[in-house]
Amino acid sequence: MLRLTFGMDDILADTHQKLVSIVMNEFDPLHDEELFYQKPFRELLHPKQVDRLYRMVSQPGFFADLPVKAGAVETVHKLMKYYEVFIATRAMEFPNSFQEKYNWLRRHFNFVPWTNLVFCGNKSILITDYLIDDQPKTLSSSKSEGILFSAPHNLQERSFRRVKDWDEIAELFLP
């Protein structure tokens, strides 16, 4: 059975949507909300605002209530009939996130065995057939075939096959 590994943030969980919501509600943005889905935060916000936003990610509670990406639950469930599915997240980057991410995964993806949840600092240790992630540097260091999940911070990247949503993942991997 082939192995698929999915990152969590901005693949299963819509972390970017939560960050945009924070920007629109707590900052004084100079741009319309839609632009934050087309360009990286670093191109649209003052550097101090970018620092503030990423400090907020380190705060307890940030990962507890992330929205689920449309189609993620249903597609992962279907993929499990044909593949061994893993979910990997760099939880060690934000130490407060471990319990929140684990609880989030159990709440939304409770059909994925706990043995297939990987909390790590560096995904290059993973050896699976495919790694679907939003970070080009993660895919570059992987021994797996990398597929880039589109996000505003990676739209200029051209080195990897790309999927824009869960419909495209289903089209790529389901019969």
Protein backbone atom coordinates (compact mmCIF):
# COMPACT_ATOMS: atom_id res chain seq x y z
CA MET A 1 0.00 0.00 0.00
CA LEU A 2 1.40 3.42 -0.92
CA ARG A 3 1.89 5.91 1.89
CA LEU A 4 0.59 9.50 1.79
CA THR A 5 1.60 12.08 4.37
CA PHE A 6 -0.29 15.34 4.76
CA GLY A 7 0.91 18.36 6.66
CA MET A 8 -1.62 19.87 9.05
CA ASP A 9 -1.39 23.66 8.89
CA ASP A 10 -2.76 25.13 5.66
CA ILE A 11 -3.43 21.63 4.30
CA LEU A 12 -5.95 20.07 6.70
CA ALA A 13 -6.43 23.12 8.92
CA ASP A 14 -7.08 26.54 7.46
CA THR A 15 -4.47 28.31 9.56
CA HIS A 16 -4.19 31.10 7.01
CA GLN A 17 -7.91 31.89 7.32
CA LYS A 18 -7.51 32.32 11.08
CA LEU A 19 -4.51 34.60 10.57
CA VAL A 20 -6.44 36.72 8.06
CA SER A 21 -9.30 36.98 10.55
CA ILE A 22 -6.87 38.21 13.21
CA VAL A 23 -5.41 40.79 10.81
CA MET A 24 -8.83 42.08 9.79
CA ASN A 25 -10.15 42.27 13.38
CA GLU A 26 -7.11 43.28 15.43
CA PHE A 27 -4.87 45.21 13.05
CA ASP A 28 -5.58 48.28 10.97
CA PRO A 29 -4.97 46.74 7.54
CA LEU A 30 -4.32 48.91 4.51
CA HIS A 31 -5.67 46.24 2.15
CA ASP A 32 -8.95 44.46 1.49
CA GLU A 33 -9.33 40.98 2.97
CA GLU A 34 -9.22 39.30 -0.43
CA LEU A 35 -5.66 40.49 -1.08
CA PHE A 36 -4.47 38.52 1.98
CA TYR A 37 -5.43 35.33 0.12
CA GLN A 38 -3.35 36.34 -2.91
CA LYS A 39 -0.08 37.53 -1.37
CA PRO A 40 2.05 36.64 1.66
CA PHE A 41 1.59 38.63 4.87
CA ARG A 42 5.18 39.87 4.62
CA GLU A 43 4.28 41.70 1.39
CA LEU A 44 1.14 43.33 2.81
CA LEU A 45 1.90 44.15 6.44
CA HIS A 46 4.50 46.28 8.16
CA PRO A 47 7.35 44.12 9.54
CA LYS A 48 6.24 44.90 13.12
CA GLN A 49 2.75 43.64 12.27
CA VAL A 50 4.19 40.45 10.78
CA ASP A 51 6.21 39.89 13.98
CA ARG A 52 3.12 40.53 16.10
CA LEU A 53 1.06 38.09 14.03
CA TYR A 54 3.59 35.30 14.38
CA ARG A 55 3.95 35.91 18.12
CA MET A 56 0.18 35.34 18.33
CA VAL A 57 0.67 31.89 16.78
CA SER A 58 2.85 30.98 19.77
CA GLN A 59 0.14 31.89 22.26
CA PRO A 60 -1.90 29.15 23.97
CA GLY A 61 -5.23 28.61 22.24
CA PHE A 62 -4.20 29.59 18.72
CA PHE A 63 -4.38 26.06 17.28
CA ALA A 64 -7.40 24.91 19.26
CA ASP A 65 -10.13 26.23 16.99
CA LEU A 66 -8.67 26.30 13.48
CA PRO A 67 -11.23 25.86 10.70
CA VAL A 68 -10.99 22.67 8.62
CA LYS A 69 -10.15 23.06 4.93
CA ALA A 70 -13.15 22.35 2.72
CA GLY A 71 -13.19 18.72 1.56
CA ALA A 72 -10.29 17.61 3.78
CA VAL A 73 -12.21 15.28 6.11
CA GLU A 74 -14.17 13.54 3.38
CA THR A 75 -11.17 13.14 1.06
CA VAL A 76 -8.81 11.82 3.74
CA HIS A 77 -11.49 9.33 4.77
CA LYS A 78 -11.80 8.07 1.16
CA LEU A 79 -8.03 7.97 0.64
CA MET A 80 -7.65 5.64 3.62
CA LYS A 81 -9.37 2.88 1.60
CA TYR A 82 -6.49 2.91 -0.91
CA TYR A 83 -3.45 4.29 0.96
CA GLU A 84 -1.74 4.27 4.31
CA VAL A 85 -2.35 7.87 5.43
CA PHE A 86 -0.21 9.83 7.87
CA ILE A 87 -0.58 13.35 9.21
CA ALA A 88 2.61 15.18 10.13
CA THR A 89 2.95 18.53 11.82
CA ARG A 90 5.95 20.53 12.99
CA ALA A 91 4.41 20.95 16.41
CA MET A 92 7.80 21.38 18.06
CA GLU A 93 8.13 24.78 16.36
CA PHE A 94 5.36 26.03 18.66
CA PRO A 95 5.64 24.00 21.89
CA ASN A 96 2.26 25.20 23.17
CA SER A 97 0.62 23.73 20.07
CA PHE A 98 1.16 20.03 20.71
CA GLN A 99 -1.91 19.32 22.84
CA GLU A 100 -4.09 21.69 20.81
CA LYS A 101 -3.07 20.08 17.52
CA TYR A 102 -3.55 16.58 18.90
CA ASN A 103 -7.03 17.46 20.19
CA TRP A 104 -7.90 19.15 16.89
CA LEU A 105 -6.84 16.08 14.91
CA ARG A 106 -8.81 13.74 17.21
CA ARG A 107 -11.88 15.98 16.86
CA HIS A 108 -11.81 16.28 13.06
CA PHE A 109 -9.82 13.22 11.89
CA ASN A 110 -10.59 10.65 14.58
CA PHE A 111 -10.67 7.91 11.90
CA VAL A 112 -6.90 8.32 11.35
CA PRO A 113 -5.17 5.99 13.84
CA TRP A 114 -3.14 7.74 16.52
CA THR A 115 -0.17 5.67 15.31
CA ASN A 116 -0.31 7.63 12.04
CA LEU A 117 -0.05 11.07 13.66
CA VAL A 118 3.50 12.43 13.57
CA PHE A 119 4.54 15.40 15.71
CA CYS A 120 8.02 16.47 14.75
CA GLY A 121 10.40 19.34 14.29
CA ASN A 122 11.65 18.41 10.83
CA LYS A 123 9.61 16.44 8.29
CA SER A 124 12.74 15.33 6.41
CA ILE A 125 12.79 12.31 8.73
CA LEU A 126 9.60 11.01 7.08
CA ILE A 127 9.89 8.40 4.39
CA THR A 128 6.61 7.98 2.57
CA ASP A 129 5.69 7.80 -1.09
CA TYR A 130 4.13 11.27 -1.18
CA LEU A 131 4.37 14.29 1.10
CA ILE A 132 1.72 16.96 0.56
CA ASP A 133 2.75 20.18 2.30
CA ASP A 134 2.56 23.97 1.90
CA GLN A 135 6.24 24.62 2.64
CA PRO A 136 8.65 24.30 -0.32
CA LYS A 137 11.66 23.94 2.01
CA THR A 138 9.95 20.97 3.67
CA LEU A 139 9.40 19.33 0.30
CA SER A 140 12.99 20.10 -0.80
CA SER A 141 14.44 18.24 2.18
CA SER A 142 12.10 15.27 1.88
CA LYS A 143 12.90 11.86 0.41
CA SER A 144 9.20 11.56 -0.50
CA GLU A 145 7.73 12.84 -3.74
CA GLY A 146 6.63 16.34 -2.84
CA ILE A 147 3.33 17.91 -3.80
CA LEU A 148 2.87 21.56 -2.92
CA PHE A 149 -0.50 22.57 -1.46
CA SER A 150 -1.14 26.12 -2.67
CA ALA A 151 -1.09 28.91 -0.11
CA PRO A 152 -0.46 32.66 -0.43
CA HIS A 153 3.09 32.25 0.90
CA ASN A 154 4.11 29.74 -1.81
CA LEU A 155 2.42 31.00 -5.00
CA GLN A 156 5.73 31.97 -6.64
CA GLU A 157 7.24 28.49 -6.14
CA ARG A 158 7.58 26.50 -9.37
CA SER A 159 9.71 23.51 -8.35
CA PHE A 160 6.93 21.09 -7.34
CA ARG A 161 3.72 19.65 -8.66
CA ARG A 162 0.95 21.72 -7.09
CA VAL A 163 -2.59 21.16 -5.86
CA LYS A 164 -4.86 24.07 -5.00
CA ASP A 165 -7.49 22.26 -2.89
CA TRP A 166 -8.85 18.93 -1.73
CA ASP A 167 -10.78 18.38 -4.97
CA GLU A 168 -7.46 18.31 -6.80
CA ILE A 169 -6.02 15.87 -4.26
CA ALA A 170 -9.04 13.60 -4.79
CA GLU A 171 -8.60 13.87 -8.56
CA LEU A 172 -4.91 12.99 -8.27
CA PHE A 173 -5.16 10.04 -5.87
CA LEU A 174 -8.68 8.56 -6.00
CA PRO A 175 -9.88 6.16 -8.70
